Protein backbone atom coordinates (compact mmCIF):
# COMPACT_ATOMS: atom_id res chain seq x y z
CA MET A 1 -27.80 19.94 0.55
CA ILE A 2 -24.61 21.02 2.24
CA ASP A 3 -25.36 23.15 5.30
CA ASN A 4 -21.83 24.47 5.77
CA PRO A 5 -19.95 25.03 2.50
CA ILE A 6 -16.68 25.79 4.32
CA VAL A 7 -16.65 22.28 5.82
CA ALA A 8 -17.43 20.78 2.40
CA ILE A 9 -14.64 22.75 0.73
CA ILE A 10 -12.09 21.85 3.41
CA SER A 11 -13.15 18.20 3.25
CA GLY A 12 -12.92 18.16 -0.56
CA VAL A 13 -9.47 19.78 -0.56
CA PHE A 14 -8.31 17.36 2.14
CA TRP A 15 -9.36 14.28 0.13
CA LEU A 16 -7.85 15.64 -3.10
CA PHE A 17 -4.61 16.19 -1.17
CA VAL A 18 -4.68 12.64 0.29
CA TRP A 19 -5.29 11.02 -3.12
CA SER A 20 -2.54 13.17 -4.66
CA LEU A 21 -0.08 12.12 -1.94
CA ASN A 22 -1.04 8.50 -2.50
CA ILE A 23 -0.28 8.83 -6.23
CA TYR A 24 3.02 10.57 -5.44
CA ASP A 25 3.98 7.75 -3.04
CA LYS A 26 3.19 5.08 -5.64
CA ILE A 27 5.22 6.88 -8.30
CA LYS A 28 8.18 7.24 -5.90
CA TYR A 29 8.02 3.53 -5.05
CA ARG A 30 7.84 2.51 -8.71
CA SER A 31 10.84 4.78 -9.40
CA LYS A 32 12.79 2.85 -6.76
CA LYS A 33 13.08 5.88 -4.45
CA TYR A 34 12.52 3.67 -1.38
CA PRO A 35 15.57 1.39 -1.29
CA ASN A 36 14.86 0.16 2.25
CA GLU A 37 11.42 -1.29 1.59
CA ILE A 38 9.70 -3.90 -0.50
CA ARG A 39 6.00 -4.15 -1.25
CA PHE A 40 4.28 -7.43 -2.03
CA PRO A 41 0.76 -8.75 -2.73
CA THR A 42 -1.87 -9.30 -0.05
CA GLN A 43 -5.24 -11.00 -0.34
CA ASN A 44 -7.13 -7.68 -0.58
CA ASP A 45 -5.02 -6.03 -3.31
CA SER A 46 -7.34 -6.92 -6.20
CA TYR A 47 -10.37 -5.67 -4.22
CA PHE A 48 -8.73 -2.27 -3.61
CA LYS A 49 -7.64 -1.96 -7.24
CA ILE A 50 -11.06 -2.86 -8.68
CA THR A 51 -12.76 -0.52 -6.20
CA SER A 52 -10.52 2.40 -7.20
CA LEU A 53 -10.97 1.71 -10.91
CA SER A 54 -14.75 1.35 -10.77
CA LEU A 55 -15.38 4.21 -8.31
CA GLY A 56 -12.98 6.53 -10.15
CA GLY A 57 -14.48 5.63 -13.52
CA MET A 58 -18.08 6.10 -12.38
CA LEU A 59 -17.28 9.40 -10.66
CA THR A 60 -15.42 10.71 -13.71
CA VAL A 61 -18.20 9.73 -16.13
CA GLY A 62 -20.87 11.06 -13.76
CA MET A 63 -19.14 14.43 -13.43
CA ILE A 64 -18.67 14.72 -17.21
CA ILE A 65 -22.39 14.08 -17.67
CA TRP A 66 -23.13 16.67 -14.98
CA PHE A 67 -20.95 19.21 -16.86
CA THR A 68 -22.85 18.63 -20.09
CA LEU A 69 -26.27 18.92 -18.44
CA MET A 70 -25.52 21.77 -16.04
CA THR A 71 -27.19 25.13 -16.69
CA GLU A 72 -25.22 27.20 -14.18
CA PHE A 73 -21.65 26.75 -13.01
CA THR A 74 -20.92 25.18 -9.59
CA LEU A 75 -17.70 23.83 -8.10
CA ILE A 76 -19.13 20.44 -7.15
CA PRO A 77 -18.66 18.78 -10.57
CA VAL A 78 -15.15 20.28 -10.88
CA VAL A 79 -14.06 18.83 -7.54
CA GLY A 80 -15.92 15.60 -8.34
CA LEU A 81 -14.14 15.29 -11.69
CA LEU A 82 -10.74 15.90 -10.07
CA ALA A 83 -11.56 13.33 -7.38
CA GLY A 84 -12.72 10.80 -9.98
CA ILE A 85 -9.55 11.23 -12.03
CA LEU A 86 -7.30 10.93 -8.95
CA ILE A 87 -9.12 7.80 -7.73
CA LEU A 88 -8.90 6.31 -11.24
CA ILE A 89 -5.15 7.04 -11.45
CA ASN A 90 -4.69 5.44 -8.00
CA GLY A 91 -6.29 2.27 -9.36
CA ILE A 92 -4.25 2.30 -12.58
CA ILE A 93 -0.84 2.70 -10.90
CA ASP A 94 -1.70 0.48 -7.94
CA VAL A 95 1.16 -1.15 -6.03
CA PRO A 96 0.92 -4.12 -3.64
CA LYS A 97 -0.24 -3.31 -0.10
CA GLY A 98 2.06 -5.63 1.89
CA GLN A 99 5.24 -3.95 3.03
CA LEU A 100 8.53 -4.74 4.75
CA LYS A 101 10.64 -1.75 5.65
CA PHE A 102 14.02 -1.26 7.31
CA ASP A 103 14.04 1.85 9.46
CA ASN A 104 17.31 2.46 11.34
CA SER A 105 17.77 -0.74 13.36
CA ASN A 106 14.16 -1.94 13.06
CA LEU A 107 12.32 -4.17 10.63
CA LYS A 108 8.80 -2.82 10.23
CA LEU A 109 5.94 -4.82 8.79
CA ILE A 110 2.93 -2.82 7.68
CA GLY A 111 -0.04 -4.08 9.66
CA ILE A 112 2.05 -4.81 12.77
CA LYS A 113 2.18 -1.95 15.27
CA GLU A 114 5.70 -2.24 16.57
CA GLY A 115 8.84 -2.96 14.61
CA VAL A 116 11.28 -5.76 15.36
CA GLU A 117 14.78 -4.86 16.45
CA ILE A 118 17.13 -6.35 13.82
CA SER A 119 19.51 -7.66 16.48
CA ASP A 120 16.60 -9.64 18.04
CA ILE A 121 15.73 -11.54 14.82
CA ARG A 122 16.74 -15.21 14.87
CA TYR A 123 15.11 -16.39 11.65
CA ILE A 124 12.44 -15.38 9.15
CA ASN A 125 10.08 -17.78 7.42
CA ILE A 126 8.35 -16.72 4.20
CA ASP A 127 5.34 -18.76 3.14
CA ASN A 128 2.64 -18.30 0.47
CA ASP A 129 0.25 -16.60 2.88
CA MET A 130 2.44 -15.46 5.77
CA ILE A 131 5.78 -13.98 6.80
CA THR A 132 6.90 -14.93 10.30
CA VAL A 133 9.74 -13.13 12.05
CA HIS A 134 11.04 -15.25 14.95
CA LYS A 135 12.75 -13.35 17.75
CA ASP A 136 13.40 -16.28 20.08
CA LYS A 137 11.84 -19.66 20.85
CA ASP A 138 8.59 -18.25 22.24
CA SER A 139 8.30 -14.90 20.49
CA SER A 140 7.41 -14.21 16.87
CA VAL A 141 5.65 -11.63 14.73
CA LYS A 142 3.37 -12.79 11.92
CA LEU A 143 2.21 -10.87 8.89
CA ASP A 144 -0.58 -12.90 7.31
CA ARG A 145 -3.23 -12.69 4.58
CA LEU A 146 -0.57 -12.52 1.89
CA GLU A 147 -0.74 -13.84 -1.67
CA LEU A 148 2.83 -14.76 -2.48
CA ASN A 149 3.96 -16.99 -5.31
CA GLU A 150 7.47 -18.37 -5.86
CA LYS A 151 8.60 -15.19 -7.62
CA TRP A 152 7.50 -12.96 -4.72
CA ILE A 153 8.93 -15.31 -2.09
CA SER A 154 12.26 -15.19 -3.91
CA LYS A 155 12.15 -11.37 -4.19
CA ILE A 156 11.40 -10.95 -0.50
CA SER A 157 14.08 -13.46 0.48
CA ASP A 158 16.69 -11.72 -1.69
CA PHE A 159 15.68 -8.31 -0.30
CA LEU A 160 16.01 -9.54 3.29
CA LYS A 161 19.37 -11.18 2.63
CA LEU A 162 20.67 -7.97 1.05
CA LYS A 163 19.38 -5.66 3.78
CA LEU A 164 20.17 -7.85 6.77
CA ASN A 165 23.65 -8.64 5.43
CA ASN A 166 23.97 -10.96 8.37
CA ASP A 167 24.77 -14.67 8.38
CA GLU A 168 23.23 -15.05 11.86
CA VAL A 169 19.67 -14.52 10.58
CA LYS A 170 18.37 -17.56 8.75
CA ILE A 171 15.77 -16.98 6.04
CA THR A 172 13.59 -19.94 5.10
CA CYS A 173 10.89 -20.29 2.46
CA GLY A 174 7.79 -22.41 2.86
CA ASN A 175 7.30 -25.11 5.47
CA THR A 176 10.99 -25.92 5.91
CA MET A 177 11.18 -25.24 9.66
């Protein structure tokens, strides 16, 4: 039982809005509307995709069954069906969760709180499970838990070379340092 229907309605609308924005963001990224960022696989990507697909599928099927068995109309199965469809779509059009983004004069890595000033970067090492941005001898920023293969390492390296457009920043791949 829901004691306060206003809170339930606001919460439902909020989550529908969040899932819709997430779908919109994924579509924009796939349409290459974010030229200053690249997304790449992490170790948890398959977990998130499978979770969205299974949860969305179960919720959609459950709400359809509720519709067929319901004797009087309520909004709960309507909102549940919309939520199930949005969660399912999020799983279908999933994009990798790792992200490098150039924002003004900063390189931002999703999962790292502060960005790295581009002028401070000395070299970047891209490995199968980690990207390390070295600022000086004793200072570096690491983005780990990645699942990169040769294709992704090459894509990230090419993206960085294009965006940095700077011969002073060395980009290495694998354990070459």
